[in-house]
């Protein structure tokens, strides 16, 4: 079984910011996250974030460019913990476990995040400008590609990774949970079944 050699890109490793710029960015993202928790994702407007953070609206626009840019920055902000877990955390999500077990654990972790942060993720997915260009998505694709290779799966790994990530998208998972009444456990079991079928050599 081959080892995972490609280095994964990391969220949040942009060129270093000045201390005050980094503090302002965190202040704005914390304000946006608080608005989501208190009032839902629709409450996250540039005006509302500026008011919650105690800054001018122009500051929010200069920092993120648009509401879509803000939502993607917030998504990256909330996904760093997952990235740290699958890159450096304990198995089976982190290194040290069989790659198939890691893929299964990755899907379970993504479904769990949707249950908590799904509205933020759905807002990001609904942005045509950023949907497939978000750093968080690039990290996930690269991670799944690495695990497929390590598991000895044949074929177009990048295309297969994109296909495997589709059922984990927040828009679909929220529909399954809220509209179809499916449980998190059922979605997790279906993900495991899918991975075992795809990786059967």
N, C-alpha and C. Protein backbone atom coordinates (compact mmCIF):
# COMPACT_ATOMS: atom_id res chain seq x y z
N UNK A 1 0.85 -1.20 0.00
CA UNK A 1 0.00 0.00 0.00
C UNK A 1 0.89 1.25 0.00
N UNK A 2 0.61 2.17 -0.92
CA UNK A 2 1.47 3.33 -1.04
C UNK A 2 1.20 4.35 0.05
N UNK A 3 2.24 5.09 0.39
CA UNK A 3 2.08 6.13 1.40
C UNK A 3 1.58 7.41 0.75
N UNK A 4 1.04 8.28 1.55
CA UNK A 4 0.54 9.56 1.06
C UNK A 4 1.70 10.53 1.02
N UNK A 5 2.12 10.92 -0.20
CA UNK A 5 3.28 11.79 -0.31
C UNK A 5 2.97 13.24 -0.62
N UNK A 6 1.90 13.55 -1.40
CA UNK A 6 1.68 14.97 -1.73
C UNK A 6 1.37 15.78 -0.48
N UNK A 7 1.93 16.95 -0.43
CA UNK A 7 1.63 17.84 0.68
C UNK A 7 0.28 18.48 0.43
N UNK A 8 -0.54 18.54 1.45
CA UNK A 8 -1.84 19.17 1.32
C UNK A 8 -1.71 20.67 1.45
N UNK A 9 -2.48 21.44 0.66
CA UNK A 9 -2.55 22.88 0.90
C UNK A 9 -3.19 23.12 2.24
N UNK A 10 -2.90 24.25 2.84
CA UNK A 10 -3.48 24.55 4.13
C UNK A 10 -4.30 25.83 4.08
N UNK A 11 -5.45 25.79 4.75
CA UNK A 11 -6.28 26.97 4.89
C UNK A 11 -5.59 27.92 5.85
N UNK A 12 -5.62 29.20 5.52
CA UNK A 12 -5.13 30.18 6.47
C UNK A 12 -3.62 30.32 6.49
N UNK A 13 -2.95 30.02 5.37
CA UNK A 13 -1.51 30.21 5.34
C UNK A 13 -1.14 31.26 4.30
N UNK A 14 -1.92 32.30 4.22
CA UNK A 14 -1.63 33.42 3.35
C UNK A 14 -0.44 34.18 3.91
N UNK A 15 0.11 35.13 3.12
CA UNK A 15 1.23 35.92 3.63
C UNK A 15 0.88 36.56 4.97
N UNK A 16 1.85 36.64 5.88
CA UNK A 16 1.57 37.17 7.22
C UNK A 16 0.96 38.57 7.17
N UNK A 17 0.01 38.80 8.05
CA UNK A 17 -0.63 40.11 8.14
C UNK A 17 -0.04 40.89 9.30
N UNK A 18 -0.15 42.20 9.22
CA UNK A 18 0.21 43.02 10.37
C UNK A 18 -0.69 42.63 11.53
N UNK A 19 -0.21 42.84 12.74
CA UNK A 19 -0.97 42.46 13.92
C UNK A 19 -2.35 43.07 13.95
N UNK A 20 -2.47 44.35 13.62
CA UNK A 20 -3.79 45.00 13.67
C UNK A 20 -4.70 44.49 12.56
N UNK A 21 -4.14 44.17 11.40
CA UNK A 21 -4.96 43.64 10.30
C UNK A 21 -5.49 42.26 10.66
N UNK A 22 -4.64 41.43 11.26
CA UNK A 22 -5.08 40.09 11.68
C UNK A 22 -6.15 40.18 12.75
N UNK A 23 -5.99 41.12 13.69
CA UNK A 23 -6.99 41.30 14.75
C UNK A 23 -8.32 41.75 14.16
N UNK A 24 -8.26 42.70 13.20
CA UNK A 24 -9.49 43.19 12.57
C UNK A 24 -10.20 42.08 11.80
N UNK A 25 -9.43 41.25 11.11
CA UNK A 25 -10.02 40.14 10.36
C UNK A 25 -10.74 39.19 11.32
N UNK A 26 -10.07 38.83 12.42
CA UNK A 26 -10.69 37.93 13.38
C UNK A 26 -11.92 38.58 14.02
N UNK A 27 -11.86 39.88 14.30
CA UNK A 27 -12.99 40.59 14.87
C UNK A 27 -14.20 40.51 13.95
N UNK A 28 -13.98 40.72 12.64
CA UNK A 28 -15.08 40.68 11.68
C UNK A 28 -15.64 39.27 11.52
N UNK A 29 -14.76 38.28 11.47
CA UNK A 29 -15.22 36.90 11.31
C UNK A 29 -15.96 36.42 12.56
N UNK A 30 -15.47 36.80 13.72
CA UNK A 30 -16.17 36.45 14.97
C UNK A 30 -17.54 37.09 15.00
N UNK A 31 -17.64 38.34 14.54
CA UNK A 31 -18.93 39.03 14.50
C UNK A 31 -19.89 38.31 13.54
N UNK A 32 -19.37 37.88 12.37
CA UNK A 32 -20.22 37.16 11.41
C UNK A 32 -20.68 35.82 11.98
N UNK A 33 -19.77 35.11 12.64
CA UNK A 33 -20.13 33.81 13.23
C UNK A 33 -21.18 33.98 14.32
N UNK A 34 -21.07 35.06 15.09
CA UNK A 34 -22.04 35.32 16.15
C UNK A 34 -23.42 35.63 15.56
N UNK A 35 -23.45 36.36 14.44
CA UNK A 35 -24.72 36.65 13.78
C UNK A 35 -25.38 35.37 13.28
N UNK A 36 -24.59 34.47 12.73
CA UNK A 36 -25.14 33.19 12.26
C UNK A 36 -25.75 32.43 13.43
N UNK A 37 -25.02 32.39 14.54
CA UNK A 37 -25.49 31.64 15.71
C UNK A 37 -26.75 32.26 16.30
N UNK A 38 -26.84 33.60 16.29
CA UNK A 38 -27.95 34.27 16.93
C UNK A 38 -29.19 34.40 16.04
N UNK A 39 -28.96 34.67 14.74
CA UNK A 39 -30.09 35.03 13.88
C UNK A 39 -30.18 34.22 12.59
N UNK A 40 -29.20 33.38 12.29
CA UNK A 40 -29.21 32.63 11.04
C UNK A 40 -28.37 33.30 9.98
N UNK A 41 -28.07 32.55 8.94
CA UNK A 41 -27.13 33.01 7.92
C UNK A 41 -27.66 34.22 7.15
N UNK A 42 -28.97 34.35 7.00
CA UNK A 42 -29.53 35.48 6.24
C UNK A 42 -29.25 36.81 6.92
N UNK A 43 -28.94 36.76 8.22
CA UNK A 43 -28.65 38.00 8.96
C UNK A 43 -27.24 38.50 8.69
N UNK A 44 -26.43 37.71 8.03
CA UNK A 44 -25.03 38.10 7.80
C UNK A 44 -24.96 38.97 6.56
N UNK A 45 -25.18 40.26 6.75
CA UNK A 45 -24.99 41.26 5.71
C UNK A 45 -23.75 42.08 6.06
N UNK A 46 -23.24 42.78 5.09
CA UNK A 46 -22.05 43.61 5.35
C UNK A 46 -22.36 44.68 6.40
N UNK A 47 -23.57 45.25 6.34
CA UNK A 47 -23.98 46.26 7.32
C UNK A 47 -24.05 45.65 8.72
N UNK A 48 -24.67 44.47 8.82
CA UNK A 48 -24.85 43.85 10.13
C UNK A 48 -23.51 43.46 10.75
N UNK A 49 -22.60 42.96 9.94
CA UNK A 49 -21.28 42.58 10.45
C UNK A 49 -20.53 43.82 10.92
N UNK A 50 -20.60 44.88 10.15
CA UNK A 50 -19.92 46.13 10.53
C UNK A 50 -20.47 46.64 11.85
N UNK A 51 -21.80 46.62 11.99
CA UNK A 51 -22.43 47.09 13.23
C UNK A 51 -22.02 46.22 14.41
N UNK A 52 -22.07 44.89 14.23
CA UNK A 52 -21.73 43.96 15.31
C UNK A 52 -20.27 44.11 15.73
N UNK A 53 -19.39 44.38 14.75
CA UNK A 53 -17.96 44.50 15.05
C UNK A 53 -17.57 45.91 15.49
N UNK A 54 -18.48 46.87 15.31
CA UNK A 54 -18.18 48.24 15.71
C UNK A 54 -17.25 48.96 14.77
N UNK A 55 -17.36 48.64 13.46
CA UNK A 55 -16.52 49.30 12.46
C UNK A 55 -17.42 49.84 11.35
N UNK A 56 -16.83 50.60 10.43
CA UNK A 56 -17.58 51.10 9.30
C UNK A 56 -17.79 50.01 8.24
N UNK A 57 -18.87 50.14 7.46
CA UNK A 57 -19.15 49.14 6.43
C UNK A 57 -18.03 49.05 5.41
N UNK A 58 -17.39 50.18 5.14
CA UNK A 58 -16.28 50.20 4.19
C UNK A 58 -15.15 49.29 4.61
N UNK A 59 -14.95 49.15 5.91
CA UNK A 59 -13.89 48.27 6.42
C UNK A 59 -14.18 46.82 6.04
N UNK A 60 -15.45 46.42 6.13
CA UNK A 60 -15.83 45.05 5.80
C UNK A 60 -15.65 44.82 4.29
N UNK A 61 -16.06 45.78 3.49
CA UNK A 61 -15.91 45.63 2.03
C UNK A 61 -14.44 45.60 1.63
N UNK A 62 -13.62 46.43 2.24
CA UNK A 62 -12.19 46.42 1.90
C UNK A 62 -11.55 45.10 2.28
N UNK A 63 -12.00 44.52 3.37
CA UNK A 63 -11.41 43.28 3.86
C UNK A 63 -11.83 42.06 3.03
N UNK A 64 -13.14 42.01 2.65
CA UNK A 64 -13.66 40.79 2.02
C UNK A 64 -14.21 40.99 0.61
N UNK A 65 -14.40 42.23 0.19
CA UNK A 65 -14.83 42.50 -1.18
C UNK A 65 -16.33 42.43 -1.41
N UNK A 66 -16.98 41.42 -0.86
CA UNK A 66 -18.41 41.21 -1.08
C UNK A 66 -18.94 40.28 0.00
N UNK A 67 -20.26 40.11 0.03
CA UNK A 67 -20.84 39.17 1.00
C UNK A 67 -20.36 37.75 0.72
N UNK A 68 -20.24 37.41 -0.57
CA UNK A 68 -19.73 36.08 -0.92
C UNK A 68 -18.32 35.87 -0.40
N UNK A 69 -17.48 36.92 -0.55
CA UNK A 69 -16.12 36.83 -0.04
C UNK A 69 -16.09 36.68 1.47
N UNK A 70 -16.99 37.37 2.15
CA UNK A 70 -17.10 37.26 3.60
C UNK A 70 -17.52 35.85 4.00
N UNK A 71 -18.52 35.28 3.31
CA UNK A 71 -19.01 33.96 3.65
C UNK A 71 -17.94 32.90 3.43
N UNK A 72 -17.15 33.06 2.38
CA UNK A 72 -16.08 32.10 2.15
C UNK A 72 -14.97 32.23 3.17
N UNK A 73 -14.68 33.45 3.58
CA UNK A 73 -13.68 33.63 4.64
C UNK A 73 -14.18 33.01 5.94
N UNK A 74 -15.48 33.16 6.21
CA UNK A 74 -16.05 32.56 7.41
C UNK A 74 -16.03 31.04 7.33
N UNK A 75 -16.30 30.50 6.15
CA UNK A 75 -16.25 29.06 5.97
C UNK A 75 -14.83 28.54 6.22
N UNK A 76 -13.84 29.20 5.66
CA UNK A 76 -12.45 28.79 5.90
C UNK A 76 -12.12 28.89 7.38
N UNK A 77 -12.60 29.96 8.00
CA UNK A 77 -12.36 30.20 9.42
C UNK A 77 -12.90 29.04 10.27
N UNK A 78 -14.07 28.54 9.92
CA UNK A 78 -14.69 27.47 10.71
C UNK A 78 -14.17 26.09 10.35
N UNK A 79 -13.50 25.94 9.18
CA UNK A 79 -13.03 24.63 8.75
C UNK A 79 -11.59 24.33 9.17
N UNK A 80 -10.91 25.30 9.72
CA UNK A 80 -9.51 25.06 10.08
C UNK A 80 -9.36 23.93 11.09
N UNK A 81 -10.31 23.82 12.00
CA UNK A 81 -10.22 22.77 13.00
C UNK A 81 -10.31 21.39 12.36
N UNK A 82 -11.20 21.22 11.37
CA UNK A 82 -11.30 19.95 10.67
C UNK A 82 -9.99 19.65 9.93
N UNK A 83 -9.45 20.66 9.26
CA UNK A 83 -8.20 20.45 8.53
C UNK A 83 -7.09 20.01 9.47
N UNK A 84 -6.99 20.66 10.60
CA UNK A 84 -5.96 20.26 11.57
C UNK A 84 -6.16 18.82 12.03
N UNK A 85 -7.42 18.42 12.17
CA UNK A 85 -7.73 17.07 12.64
C UNK A 85 -7.32 16.01 11.62
N UNK A 86 -7.64 16.24 10.33
CA UNK A 86 -7.32 15.18 9.38
C UNK A 86 -5.86 15.22 8.92
N UNK A 87 -5.18 16.33 9.14
CA UNK A 87 -3.77 16.38 8.77
C UNK A 87 -2.85 15.97 9.92
N UNK A 88 -3.23 16.33 11.15
CA UNK A 88 -2.31 16.14 12.27
C UNK A 88 -2.93 15.45 13.48
N UNK A 89 -4.25 15.22 13.46
CA UNK A 89 -4.93 14.66 14.63
C UNK A 89 -4.80 13.15 14.73
N UNK A 90 -5.44 12.57 15.72
CA UNK A 90 -5.38 11.12 15.93
C UNK A 90 -6.20 10.37 14.88
N UNK A 91 -5.84 9.10 14.64
CA UNK A 91 -6.64 8.27 13.74
C UNK A 91 -7.99 7.92 14.36
N UNK A 92 -8.99 7.56 13.60
CA UNK A 92 -8.88 7.27 12.18
C UNK A 92 -8.98 8.49 11.26
N UNK A 93 -9.38 9.64 11.76
CA UNK A 93 -9.45 10.82 10.90
C UNK A 93 -8.05 11.29 10.52
N UNK A 94 -7.14 11.29 11.47
CA UNK A 94 -5.79 11.73 11.22
C UNK A 94 -4.87 10.63 10.75
N UNK A 95 -3.59 10.95 10.52
CA UNK A 95 -2.62 9.97 10.02
C UNK A 95 -2.49 8.77 10.95
N UNK A 96 -2.13 7.63 10.35
CA UNK A 96 -1.87 6.44 11.15
C UNK A 96 -2.88 5.34 10.95
N UNK A 97 -4.04 5.66 10.36
CA UNK A 97 -5.07 4.64 10.11
C UNK A 97 -5.02 4.21 8.65
N UNK A 98 -5.70 3.12 8.34
CA UNK A 98 -5.86 2.67 6.97
C UNK A 98 -6.55 3.78 6.16
N UNK A 99 -6.12 4.02 4.91
CA UNK A 99 -6.70 5.14 4.13
C UNK A 99 -8.21 5.03 3.93
N UNK A 100 -8.73 3.79 3.82
CA UNK A 100 -10.18 3.64 3.67
C UNK A 100 -10.89 4.06 4.94
N UNK A 101 -10.34 3.67 6.09
CA UNK A 101 -10.92 4.10 7.36
C UNK A 101 -10.85 5.61 7.51
N UNK A 102 -9.78 6.21 7.00
CA UNK A 102 -9.65 7.68 7.07
C UNK A 102 -10.69 8.36 6.18
N UNK A 103 -10.94 7.78 5.00
CA UNK A 103 -11.98 8.34 4.13
C UNK A 103 -13.35 8.27 4.79
N UNK A 104 -13.63 7.15 5.42
CA UNK A 104 -14.92 7.00 6.11
C UNK A 104 -15.03 8.03 7.23
N UNK A 105 -13.96 8.17 8.02
CA UNK A 105 -13.97 9.13 9.13
C UNK A 105 -14.10 10.56 8.62
N UNK A 106 -13.49 10.85 7.47
CA UNK A 106 -13.57 12.19 6.88
C UNK A 106 -15.02 12.53 6.53
N UNK A 107 -15.73 11.59 5.92
CA UNK A 107 -17.13 11.83 5.57
C UNK A 107 -18.00 12.05 6.80
N UNK A 108 -17.78 11.23 7.83
CA UNK A 108 -18.53 11.40 9.08
C UNK A 108 -18.28 12.79 9.66
N UNK A 109 -17.01 13.24 9.63
CA UNK A 109 -16.67 14.55 10.18
C UNK A 109 -17.31 15.67 9.38
N UNK A 110 -17.35 15.52 8.05
CA UNK A 110 -17.95 16.57 7.22
C UNK A 110 -19.47 16.64 7.46
N UNK A 111 -20.10 15.51 7.59
CA UNK A 111 -21.55 15.50 7.86
C UNK A 111 -21.84 16.16 9.21
N UNK A 112 -21.00 15.88 10.19
CA UNK A 112 -21.19 16.48 11.52
C UNK A 112 -21.03 17.99 11.46
N UNK A 113 -20.09 18.48 10.64
CA UNK A 113 -19.90 19.93 10.50
C UNK A 113 -21.13 20.57 9.85
N UNK A 114 -21.70 19.90 8.85
CA UNK A 114 -22.90 20.45 8.20
C UNK A 114 -24.03 20.59 9.21
N UNK A 115 -24.12 19.64 10.11
CA UNK A 115 -25.19 19.69 11.12
C UNK A 115 -25.09 20.96 11.95
N UNK A 116 -23.84 21.46 12.15
CA UNK A 116 -23.63 22.65 12.99
C UNK A 116 -23.46 23.91 12.15
N UNK A 117 -22.66 23.84 11.08
CA UNK A 117 -22.30 25.01 10.29
C UNK A 117 -22.92 24.98 8.90
N UNK A 118 -23.96 24.17 8.72
CA UNK A 118 -24.51 23.97 7.40
C UNK A 118 -25.00 25.21 6.71
N UNK A 119 -25.59 26.14 7.45
CA UNK A 119 -26.11 27.35 6.82
C UNK A 119 -24.99 28.20 6.23
N UNK A 120 -23.86 28.27 6.92
CA UNK A 120 -22.71 29.01 6.39
C UNK A 120 -22.19 28.31 5.14
N UNK A 121 -22.09 27.00 5.20
CA UNK A 121 -21.60 26.25 4.05
C UNK A 121 -22.54 26.38 2.86
N UNK A 122 -23.84 26.33 3.12
CA UNK A 122 -24.80 26.44 2.02
C UNK A 122 -24.72 27.82 1.38
N UNK A 123 -24.56 28.85 2.18
CA UNK A 123 -24.44 30.20 1.62
C UNK A 123 -23.21 30.30 0.73
N UNK A 124 -22.12 29.65 1.15
CA UNK A 124 -20.90 29.66 0.33
C UNK A 124 -21.11 28.88 -0.96
N UNK A 125 -21.78 27.73 -0.88
CA UNK A 125 -22.02 26.91 -2.06
C UNK A 125 -22.91 27.62 -3.07
N UNK A 126 -23.79 28.49 -2.60
CA UNK A 126 -24.72 29.18 -3.49
C UNK A 126 -24.07 30.34 -4.23
N UNK A 127 -22.80 30.61 -3.95
CA UNK A 127 -22.08 31.67 -4.64
C UNK A 127 -21.42 31.09 -5.89
N UNK A 128 -21.91 31.47 -7.07
CA UNK A 128 -21.33 30.96 -8.32
C UNK A 128 -19.89 31.42 -8.49
N UNK A 129 -19.57 32.57 -7.92
CA UNK A 129 -18.23 33.13 -8.08
C UNK A 129 -17.19 32.30 -7.33
N UNK A 130 -17.53 31.78 -6.15
CA UNK A 130 -16.55 31.14 -5.30
C UNK A 130 -16.79 29.65 -5.04
N UNK A 131 -17.92 29.12 -5.46
CA UNK A 131 -18.33 27.78 -5.01
C UNK A 131 -17.23 26.74 -5.16
N UNK A 132 -16.62 26.66 -6.33
CA UNK A 132 -15.63 25.61 -6.57
C UNK A 132 -14.20 26.12 -6.42
N UNK A 133 -14.05 27.39 -6.04
CA UNK A 133 -12.71 27.96 -5.91
C UNK A 133 -12.32 28.20 -4.46
N UNK A 134 -13.19 27.84 -3.51
CA UNK A 134 -12.90 28.09 -2.10
C UNK A 134 -11.71 27.26 -1.64
N UNK A 135 -10.80 27.85 -0.85
CA UNK A 135 -9.66 27.08 -0.33
C UNK A 135 -10.06 25.82 0.41
N UNK A 136 -11.15 25.90 1.17
CA UNK A 136 -11.60 24.72 1.93
C UNK A 136 -11.92 23.55 0.99
N UNK A 137 -12.53 23.82 -0.14
CA UNK A 137 -12.84 22.76 -1.10
C UNK A 137 -11.57 22.18 -1.70
N UNK A 138 -10.61 23.05 -2.04
CA UNK A 138 -9.35 22.57 -2.61
C UNK A 138 -8.64 21.64 -1.64
N UNK A 139 -8.65 21.98 -0.36
CA UNK A 139 -8.02 21.14 0.65
C UNK A 139 -8.71 19.78 0.71
N UNK A 140 -10.04 19.78 0.71
CA UNK A 140 -10.79 18.53 0.80
C UNK A 140 -10.53 17.63 -0.42
N UNK A 141 -10.53 18.23 -1.61
CA UNK A 141 -10.28 17.45 -2.83
C UNK A 141 -8.90 16.82 -2.76
N UNK A 142 -7.91 17.61 -2.39
CA UNK A 142 -6.53 17.10 -2.32
C UNK A 142 -6.41 15.98 -1.28
N UNK A 143 -7.08 16.12 -0.17
CA UNK A 143 -7.03 15.11 0.88
C UNK A 143 -7.64 13.80 0.39
N UNK A 144 -8.81 13.87 -0.23
CA UNK A 144 -9.47 12.66 -0.72
C UNK A 144 -8.64 12.01 -1.83
N UNK A 145 -8.06 12.81 -2.72
CA UNK A 145 -7.18 12.26 -3.76
C UNK A 145 -6.02 11.48 -3.13
N UNK A 146 -5.41 12.06 -2.11
CA UNK A 146 -4.28 11.40 -1.45
C UNK A 146 -4.69 10.06 -0.85
N UNK A 147 -5.86 10.02 -0.23
CA UNK A 147 -6.32 8.78 0.40
C UNK A 147 -6.71 7.73 -0.64
N UNK A 148 -7.30 8.16 -1.74
CA UNK A 148 -7.63 7.21 -2.81
C UNK A 148 -6.37 6.58 -3.38
N UNK A 149 -5.36 7.38 -3.58
CA UNK A 149 -4.08 6.85 -4.07
C UNK A 149 -3.47 5.88 -3.07
N UNK A 150 -3.49 6.27 -1.81
CA UNK A 150 -2.91 5.41 -0.76
C UNK A 150 -3.65 4.10 -0.65
N UNK A 151 -4.95 4.10 -0.96
CA UNK A 151 -5.75 2.88 -0.89
C UNK A 151 -5.60 2.00 -2.13
N UNK A 152 -4.84 2.49 -3.11
CA UNK A 152 -4.63 1.70 -4.33
C UNK A 152 -5.78 1.74 -5.30
N UNK A 153 -6.65 2.73 -5.18
CA UNK A 153 -7.79 2.86 -6.10
C UNK A 153 -7.28 3.32 -7.46
N UNK A 154 -7.78 2.70 -8.51
CA UNK A 154 -7.37 3.05 -9.87
C UNK A 154 -8.33 4.08 -10.45
N UNK A 155 -7.86 4.81 -11.49
CA UNK A 155 -8.73 5.72 -12.20
C UNK A 155 -8.31 7.18 -12.05
N UNK A 156 -9.21 8.08 -12.46
CA UNK A 156 -8.98 9.52 -12.39
C UNK A 156 -9.27 9.97 -10.96
N UNK A 157 -8.24 10.07 -10.14
CA UNK A 157 -8.43 10.34 -8.72
C UNK A 157 -9.09 11.69 -8.46
N UNK A 158 -8.71 12.71 -9.21
CA UNK A 158 -9.28 14.04 -8.98
C UNK A 158 -10.77 14.07 -9.29
N UNK A 159 -11.15 13.48 -10.42
CA UNK A 159 -12.57 13.45 -10.78
C UNK A 159 -13.35 12.60 -9.79
N UNK A 160 -12.77 11.49 -9.36
CA UNK A 160 -13.44 10.63 -8.39
C UNK A 160 -13.61 11.35 -7.06
N UNK A 161 -12.57 12.11 -6.65
CA UNK A 161 -12.66 12.86 -5.40
C UNK A 161 -13.79 13.89 -5.46
N UNK A 162 -13.90 14.59 -6.58
CA UNK A 162 -14.99 15.57 -6.73
C UNK A 162 -16.35 14.89 -6.65
N UNK A 163 -16.46 13.70 -7.26
CA UNK A 163 -17.72 12.97 -7.22
C UNK A 163 -18.06 12.51 -5.80
N UNK A 164 -17.04 12.08 -5.07
CA UNK A 164 -17.27 11.61 -3.70
C UNK A 164 -17.65 12.77 -2.77
N UNK A 165 -17.13 13.96 -3.04
CA UNK A 165 -17.45 15.10 -2.18
C UNK A 165 -18.86 15.64 -2.43
N UNK A 166 -19.43 15.34 -3.59
CA UNK A 166 -20.76 15.89 -3.92
C UNK A 166 -21.82 15.53 -2.90
N UNK A 167 -21.92 14.26 -2.43
CA UNK A 167 -22.97 13.97 -1.44
C UNK A 167 -22.70 14.56 -0.06
N UNK A 168 -21.55 15.17 0.13
CA UNK A 168 -21.24 15.81 1.42
C UNK A 168 -21.51 17.31 1.40
N UNK A 169 -21.97 17.84 0.25
CA UNK A 169 -22.23 19.27 0.17
C UNK A 169 -23.38 19.65 1.08
N UNK A 170 -23.25 20.81 1.70
CA UNK A 170 -24.20 21.23 2.71
C UNK A 170 -25.62 21.34 2.18
N UNK A 171 -25.77 21.83 0.95
CA UNK A 171 -27.12 22.00 0.40
C UNK A 171 -27.86 20.67 0.37
N UNK A 172 -27.18 19.61 -0.07
CA UNK A 172 -27.81 18.29 -0.13
C UNK A 172 -27.99 17.69 1.26
N UNK A 173 -26.97 17.78 2.10
CA UNK A 173 -27.07 17.19 3.43
C UNK A 173 -28.18 17.85 4.25
N UNK A 174 -28.29 19.17 4.17
CA UNK A 174 -29.36 19.86 4.89
C UNK A 174 -30.74 19.44 4.37
N UNK A 175 -30.85 19.26 3.07
CA UNK A 175 -32.12 18.79 2.49
C UNK A 175 -32.46 17.41 3.03
N UNK A 176 -31.47 16.53 3.08
CA UNK A 176 -31.70 15.17 3.56
C UNK A 176 -32.08 15.17 5.04
N UNK A 177 -31.42 16.03 5.82
CA UNK A 177 -31.70 16.08 7.25
C UNK A 177 -33.04 16.73 7.55
N UNK A 178 -33.30 17.88 6.93
CA UNK A 178 -34.46 18.69 7.30
C UNK A 178 -35.72 18.35 6.51
N UNK A 179 -35.55 18.15 5.21
CA UNK A 179 -36.73 17.94 4.37
C UNK A 179 -37.12 16.46 4.26
N UNK A 180 -36.14 15.59 4.21
CA UNK A 180 -36.41 14.16 4.05
C UNK A 180 -36.43 13.42 5.38
N UNK A 181 -36.03 14.11 6.46
CA UNK A 181 -36.09 13.50 7.78
C UNK A 181 -35.06 12.40 8.02
N UNK A 182 -34.00 12.39 7.25
CA UNK A 182 -32.96 11.38 7.45
C UNK A 182 -32.12 11.76 8.66
N UNK A 183 -31.56 10.77 9.31
CA UNK A 183 -30.72 11.02 10.48
C UNK A 183 -29.26 11.14 10.07
N UNK A 184 -28.47 11.77 10.94
CA UNK A 184 -27.03 11.86 10.72
C UNK A 184 -26.43 10.45 10.63
N UNK A 185 -26.94 9.54 11.47
CA UNK A 185 -26.42 8.17 11.47
C UNK A 185 -26.69 7.49 10.12
N UNK A 186 -27.87 7.71 9.56
CA UNK A 186 -28.18 7.10 8.26
C UNK A 186 -27.27 7.65 7.17
N UNK A 187 -27.03 8.95 7.18
CA UNK A 187 -26.14 9.54 6.18
C UNK A 187 -24.72 9.01 6.35
N UNK A 188 -24.29 8.86 7.59
CA UNK A 188 -22.96 8.33 7.84
C UNK A 188 -22.82 6.90 7.36
N UNK A 189 -23.84 6.08 7.59
CA UNK A 189 -23.81 4.69 7.13
C UNK A 189 -23.78 4.63 5.60
N UNK A 190 -24.53 5.50 4.95
CA UNK A 190 -24.56 5.53 3.49
C UNK A 190 -23.20 5.94 2.94
N UNK A 191 -22.55 6.90 3.61
CA UNK A 191 -21.22 7.32 3.19
C UNK A 191 -20.23 6.16 3.30
N UNK A 192 -20.27 5.45 4.40
CA UNK A 192 -19.36 4.31 4.57
C UNK A 192 -19.60 3.26 3.50
N UNK A 193 -20.86 2.98 3.20
CA UNK A 193 -21.18 2.01 2.16
C UNK A 193 -20.64 2.46 0.81
N UNK A 194 -20.79 3.74 0.50
CA UNK A 194 -20.29 4.29 -0.76
C UNK A 194 -18.77 4.12 -0.85
N UNK A 195 -18.07 4.49 0.21
CA UNK A 195 -16.61 4.40 0.20
C UNK A 195 -16.15 2.95 0.04
N UNK A 196 -16.79 2.03 0.72
CA UNK A 196 -16.37 0.64 0.61
C UNK A 196 -16.64 0.08 -0.79
N UNK A 197 -17.70 0.53 -1.44
CA UNK A 197 -17.97 0.09 -2.81
C UNK A 197 -16.95 0.68 -3.77
N UNK A 198 -16.63 1.96 -3.61
CA UNK A 198 -15.72 2.64 -4.53
C UNK A 198 -14.29 2.11 -4.39
N UNK A 199 -13.89 1.79 -3.19
CA UNK A 199 -12.50 1.38 -2.95
C UNK A 199 -12.31 -0.13 -3.04
N UNK A 200 -13.36 -0.88 -3.38
CA UNK A 200 -13.25 -2.32 -3.51
C UNK A 200 -12.42 -2.62 -4.76
N UNK A 201 -11.27 -3.21 -4.57
CA UNK A 201 -10.33 -3.44 -5.68
C UNK A 201 -10.44 -4.88 -6.19
